[in-house]
Amino acid sequence: MIRGVLVVIFLLLTACSTQEQGDYKTAQKNVSQGNYKVALEYFDRVILRNNKSEYPLEAAREAARVAFFDLKDYDRTITYHRFIVLHSGDEKERLASQKQIAEIYFNNLQNYQASIVEFSKLQQMPHTDLEASQYQMSVARGHYYMNNFFQAESEIDSLLRLKSDDNIRFQALMLKGNILVAKKEYTKAIDIFKGIIDKYPQRSVQENVGLTLAVCYEENDNFKEAIKVLESYRGKYNPPEYIELRIKRLQERMKNAPGAKGFRK
C-alpha cells in the first residue's frame, strides 16, 4: 500500500518535472525564433508551478531578460525580478534583482514614488558605504522630481555626511544647488555653485556649472557678476554665440535696470 503511494507520488513528480522541462525548452525555442510574447507565456507556466527544481528561477531569469531587452515590458520585468528576490538562494542575485526593480521604476517608468520605496529596501540589504550614498542619491532625486524639495534637501544633507567618492559628492552638491534654485533661494544656491567650481574646476567646466551660477546671479539682479561668469566661459562653450548673446542681453538689462545710469564698456 505504502509502496504504491510512493510510486504514484514519484510518477507525478516526474511528470511535473518533464512538463516543466518541456515548457522551458519550448520557451527557449520561441526566444531563438523571436517569438518573445509566446516565449514569456511558456516561461510563466514554469514560474507559476514553482516546483522545487532549477527551472522556475531559470525561467524567471530568462523571462526578465526577454521582457526588458526585447519587449521593453518594464512592468513585467519587475514581476520576474520580484520572483528572483523572493526565491533565489543567492544573496548577490537577490540584491542585483532588487537593484533592477528600483532602477526600472526610476529610469524606465519614471515612477519616482515606487522607486523611493525600492531604493529604501536596498538600504536595508547588505551594502557598502558607497552603495548607501548611491541609493540615497537616487532617493533624493526621486523627491526632487516630485517637487518634494524639503525632503530632497534633507536626503542630500544626510548623504553629504556619508563616506562617498568625488563623483557622488559632485552630483549631490549639484542637486542641492538645483533644489535651492527651485526654491528660489538664489543666494544660497550661489554659495553652493561657487564652492563646486572651486573644488571641481575641470568637471565644472564640463558640466557648465558656471552657466547655472550666472542664472542665479541674474535672478538676484546681480548682472555684473553674471556677466563676469559668462565672460570666463568664452572659448569654453559651444556654440560660442550663445555666450555672447547672453552677455549682450544682460548688458541691456543692466542698462535698463531701475536706478541704472547707463552701461559703458
Protein backbone atom coordinates (compact mmCIF):
# COMPACT_ATOMS: atom_id res chain seq x y z
CA MET A 1 0.00 0.00 0.00
CA ILE A 2 2.67 2.49 1.10
CA ARG A 3 4.92 1.37 -1.72
CA GLY A 4 2.13 2.00 -4.21
CA VAL A 5 1.53 5.51 -2.87
CA LEU A 6 5.24 6.29 -3.16
CA VAL A 7 5.29 5.06 -6.74
CA VAL A 8 2.32 7.30 -7.62
CA ILE A 9 4.00 10.32 -5.98
CA PHE A 10 7.22 9.57 -7.85
CA LEU A 11 5.37 9.33 -11.16
CA LEU A 12 3.53 12.60 -10.51
CA LEU A 13 6.75 14.41 -9.62
CA THR A 14 8.46 13.01 -12.70
CA ALA A 15 5.55 14.07 -14.89
CA CYS A 16 5.62 17.59 -13.42
CA SER A 17 9.37 17.81 -13.92
CA THR A 18 9.07 16.58 -17.50
CA GLN A 19 6.28 19.09 -18.25
CA GLU A 20 8.30 21.86 -16.63
CA GLN A 21 11.35 20.99 -18.68
CA GLY A 22 9.25 20.79 -21.83
CA ASP A 23 7.71 24.22 -21.28
CA TYR A 24 11.11 25.70 -20.52
CA LYS A 25 12.61 24.29 -23.73
CA THR A 26 9.60 25.48 -25.74
CA ALA A 27 10.10 28.94 -24.29
CA GLN A 28 13.77 28.93 -25.26
CA LYS A 29 12.90 27.79 -28.78
CA ASN A 30 10.45 30.67 -29.16
CA VAL A 31 13.07 33.12 -27.90
CA SER A 32 15.52 31.90 -30.56
CA GLN A 33 12.79 32.37 -33.18
CA GLY A 34 11.96 35.87 -31.99
CA ASN A 35 8.51 34.90 -30.68
CA TYR A 36 9.07 36.74 -27.43
CA LYS A 37 5.48 37.05 -26.21
CA VAL A 38 4.86 33.34 -26.78
CA ALA A 39 8.14 32.57 -25.00
CA LEU A 40 7.01 34.53 -21.94
CA GLU A 41 3.77 32.54 -21.81
CA TYR A 42 5.76 29.30 -21.52
CA PHE A 43 8.21 30.81 -19.03
CA ASP A 44 5.20 31.94 -16.97
CA ARG A 45 3.87 28.36 -16.88
CA VAL A 46 7.14 27.19 -15.39
CA ILE A 47 7.28 30.02 -12.88
CA LEU A 48 3.66 29.62 -11.75
CA ARG A 49 4.18 25.95 -10.96
CA ASN A 50 7.14 26.97 -8.78
CA ASN A 51 8.26 23.36 -8.36
CA LYS A 52 11.38 22.55 -6.38
CA SER A 53 13.72 22.41 -9.35
CA GLU A 54 16.09 24.76 -11.10
CA TYR A 55 13.57 25.60 -13.82
CA PRO A 56 11.39 28.30 -12.15
CA LEU A 57 14.38 30.50 -11.33
CA GLU A 58 15.98 29.88 -14.72
CA ALA A 59 12.67 30.77 -16.35
CA ALA A 60 12.43 33.98 -14.30
CA ARG A 61 15.98 34.98 -15.25
CA GLU A 62 15.39 34.41 -18.95
CA ALA A 63 11.93 35.98 -18.88
CA ALA A 64 13.31 39.10 -17.17
CA ARG A 65 15.95 39.45 -19.87
CA VAL A 66 13.45 38.98 -22.72
CA ALA A 67 10.84 41.28 -21.17
CA PHE A 68 13.39 44.05 -20.60
CA PHE A 69 15.59 43.97 -23.69
CA ASP A 70 13.32 42.51 -26.36
CA LEU A 71 9.82 43.61 -25.40
CA LYS A 72 10.57 46.68 -23.28
CA ASP A 73 7.80 45.47 -20.99
CA TYR A 74 9.09 47.01 -17.79
CA ASP A 75 6.18 46.16 -15.50
CA ARG A 76 6.50 42.51 -16.45
CA THR A 77 10.26 42.65 -15.97
CA ILE A 78 9.71 43.85 -12.42
CA THR A 79 7.41 40.88 -11.75
CA TYR A 80 10.14 38.42 -12.77
CA HIS A 81 12.77 40.18 -10.66
CA ARG A 82 10.44 40.10 -7.66
CA PHE A 83 10.21 36.32 -8.08
CA ILE A 84 14.00 36.12 -8.05
CA VAL A 85 14.23 38.31 -4.93
CA LEU A 86 11.77 36.03 -3.12
CA HIS A 87 13.08 32.64 -4.26
CA SER A 88 16.77 32.81 -5.12
CA GLY A 89 19.18 31.32 -2.61
CA ASP A 90 21.98 33.54 -3.90
CA GLU A 91 22.23 36.77 -1.89
CA LYS A 92 24.10 38.57 -4.69
CA GLU A 93 21.42 37.62 -7.19
CA ARG A 94 18.64 38.81 -4.89
CA LEU A 95 20.48 42.11 -4.43
CA ALA A 96 21.04 42.51 -8.18
CA SER A 97 17.35 41.90 -8.90
CA GLN A 98 16.27 44.38 -6.22
CA LYS A 99 18.57 46.97 -7.84
CA GLN A 100 16.98 46.25 -11.21
CA ILE A 101 13.50 46.79 -9.76
CA ALA A 102 14.47 50.14 -8.24
CA GLU A 103 16.27 51.34 -11.37
CA ILE A 104 13.45 50.31 -13.71
CA TYR A 105 10.94 52.26 -11.65
CA PHE A 106 13.29 55.26 -11.67
CA ASN A 107 14.77 55.28 -15.18
CA ASN A 108 12.26 53.45 -17.36
CA LEU A 109 8.88 54.07 -15.74
CA GLN A 110 9.67 57.41 -14.06
CA ASN A 111 7.60 56.18 -11.13
CA TYR A 112 9.63 58.03 -8.54
CA GLN A 113 7.39 57.22 -5.58
CA ALA A 114 7.75 53.49 -6.27
CA SER A 115 11.49 53.86 -6.88
CA ILE A 116 11.93 55.51 -3.47
CA VAL A 117 10.24 52.51 -1.83
CA GLU A 118 12.51 50.08 -3.71
CA PHE A 119 15.71 52.02 -3.04
CA SER A 120 14.72 52.12 0.63
CA LYS A 121 14.53 48.32 0.55
CA LEU A 122 18.07 48.25 -0.84
CA GLN A 123 19.19 50.35 2.11
CA GLN A 124 18.04 47.50 4.38
CA MET A 125 20.06 44.91 2.44
CA PRO A 126 23.85 44.39 2.73
CA HIS A 127 25.69 47.29 1.13
CA THR A 128 28.91 49.30 1.19
CA ASP A 129 29.19 52.95 2.22
CA LEU A 130 29.45 53.91 -1.45
CA GLU A 131 26.30 51.94 -2.32
CA ALA A 132 24.48 53.56 0.60
CA SER A 133 25.31 57.00 -0.79
CA GLN A 134 24.22 55.94 -4.31
CA TYR A 135 20.87 54.69 -3.01
CA GLN A 136 20.32 57.87 -1.01
CA MET A 137 21.22 59.95 -4.07
CA SER A 138 18.50 58.17 -6.04
CA VAL A 139 16.00 58.72 -3.23
CA ALA A 140 16.90 62.43 -3.15
CA ARG A 141 16.48 62.70 -6.93
CA GLY A 142 13.12 60.95 -6.72
CA HIS A 143 11.88 63.52 -4.21
CA TYR A 144 13.32 66.36 -6.31
CA TYR A 145 11.50 65.19 -9.46
CA MET A 146 8.26 65.04 -7.45
CA ASN A 147 8.87 68.61 -6.21
CA ASN A 148 9.33 67.40 -2.64
CA PHE A 149 12.17 69.88 -2.21
CA PHE A 150 12.34 69.83 1.60
CA GLN A 151 12.70 66.04 1.72
CA ALA A 152 15.11 66.05 -1.22
CA GLU A 153 17.37 68.57 0.52
CA SER A 154 17.17 66.59 3.76
CA GLU A 155 18.31 63.44 1.93
CA ILE A 156 21.20 65.32 0.30
CA ASP A 157 22.37 66.79 3.61
CA SER A 158 22.31 63.30 5.10
CA LEU A 159 24.20 61.89 2.09
CA LEU A 160 26.94 64.50 2.37
CA ARG A 161 27.69 63.20 5.86
CA LEU A 162 28.36 59.71 4.47
CA LYS A 163 31.62 58.37 3.06
CA SER A 164 31.37 58.56 -0.72
CA ASP A 165 33.53 59.22 -3.77
CA ASP A 166 34.01 62.56 -5.53
CA ASN A 167 31.55 61.64 -8.27
CA ILE A 168 28.68 61.15 -5.82
CA ARG A 169 29.62 64.27 -3.85
CA PHE A 170 29.70 66.35 -7.04
CA GLN A 171 26.26 65.05 -8.03
CA ALA A 172 24.92 65.63 -4.53
CA LEU A 173 26.15 69.23 -4.39
CA MET A 174 24.77 69.92 -7.88
CA LEU A 175 21.39 68.56 -6.83
CA LYS A 176 21.44 70.63 -3.65
CA GLY A 177 22.17 73.72 -5.75
CA ASN A 178 19.33 72.89 -8.13
CA ILE A 179 16.97 72.33 -5.21
CA LEU A 180 17.84 75.79 -3.89
CA VAL A 181 17.22 77.27 -7.36
CA ALA A 182 13.84 75.55 -7.48
CA LYS A 183 13.07 77.07 -4.07
CA LYS A 184 14.23 80.47 -5.43
CA GLU A 185 16.89 80.68 -2.72
CA TYR A 186 19.41 82.09 -5.16
CA THR A 187 21.91 83.48 -2.64
CA LYS A 188 22.33 80.05 -1.04
CA ALA A 189 22.50 78.43 -4.47
CA ILE A 190 25.28 80.85 -5.49
CA ASP A 191 27.36 79.75 -2.50
CA ILE A 192 26.87 76.08 -3.46
CA PHE A 193 27.79 76.54 -7.13
CA LYS A 194 30.82 78.71 -6.31
CA GLY A 195 32.00 76.00 -3.91
CA ILE A 196 31.57 73.35 -6.61
CA ILE A 197 33.60 75.40 -9.10
CA ASP A 198 36.39 75.89 -6.54
CA LYS A 199 36.55 72.21 -5.61
CA TYR A 200 35.87 70.62 -9.01
CA PRO A 201 37.14 73.18 -11.58
CA GLN A 202 37.59 70.79 -14.53
CA ARG A 203 34.32 68.96 -14.13
CA SER A 204 32.52 72.23 -13.50
CA VAL A 205 33.56 73.39 -16.97
CA GLN A 206 32.44 70.08 -18.50
CA GLU A 207 29.07 70.28 -16.74
CA ASN A 208 28.60 74.04 -17.39
CA VAL A 209 28.17 74.81 -13.70
CA GLY A 210 29.14 78.42 -14.38
CA LEU A 211 26.13 78.91 -16.63
CA THR A 212 23.84 77.88 -13.79
CA LEU A 213 25.75 80.21 -11.46
CA ALA A 214 25.24 83.05 -13.96
CA VAL A 215 21.48 82.36 -13.94
CA CYS A 216 21.46 82.61 -10.14
CA TYR A 217 23.26 85.97 -10.24
CA GLU A 218 20.82 87.19 -12.90
CA GLU A 219 17.81 86.10 -10.85
CA ASN A 220 19.31 88.06 -7.95
CA ASP A 221 19.61 91.11 -10.29
CA ASN A 222 23.39 90.99 -9.95
CA PHE A 223 24.01 91.44 -13.67
CA LYS A 224 27.64 92.50 -13.25
CA GLU A 225 28.63 89.20 -11.62
CA ALA A 226 26.54 87.21 -14.09
CA ILE A 227 28.39 88.88 -16.98
CA LYS A 228 31.74 88.22 -15.30
CA VAL A 229 30.94 84.49 -15.02
CA LEU A 230 29.80 84.30 -18.64
CA GLU A 231 32.93 86.09 -19.83
CA SER A 232 35.01 83.37 -18.17
CA TYR A 233 33.18 80.85 -20.42
CA ARG A 234 34.34 82.46 -23.66
CA GLY A 235 36.07 79.80 -25.73
CA LYS A 236 34.79 77.01 -23.45
CA TYR A 237 31.20 76.65 -24.63
CA ASN A 238 29.71 75.52 -27.93
CA PRO A 239 28.24 77.35 -29.75
CA PRO A 240 30.27 80.44 -28.70
CA GLU A 241 27.48 82.71 -29.99
CA TYR A 242 25.28 81.58 -27.09
CA ILE A 243 27.62 83.14 -24.53
CA GLU A 244 27.88 86.39 -26.50
CA LEU A 245 24.10 86.64 -26.84
CA ARG A 246 23.60 86.11 -23.12
CA ILE A 247 26.23 88.71 -22.25
CA LYS A 248 24.61 91.20 -24.61
CA ARG A 249 21.16 90.53 -23.15
CA LEU A 250 22.48 91.02 -19.61
CA GLN A 251 24.18 94.26 -20.61
CA GLU A 252 20.84 95.51 -21.92
CA ARG A 253 19.09 94.51 -18.70
CA MET A 254 21.81 96.21 -16.70
CA LYS A 255 21.34 99.47 -18.67
CA ASN A 256 17.57 99.35 -18.24
CA ALA A 257 17.56 98.35 -14.59
CA PRO A 258 15.86 100.81 -12.17
CA GLY A 259 18.40 103.36 -10.95
CA ALA A 260 20.94 102.49 -13.64
CA LYS A 261 22.90 105.41 -15.09
CA GLY A 262 23.66 103.59 -18.29
CA PHE A 263 26.21 100.99 -19.14
CA ARG A 264 29.60 101.72 -20.57
CA LYS A 265 32.01 99.16 -21.94
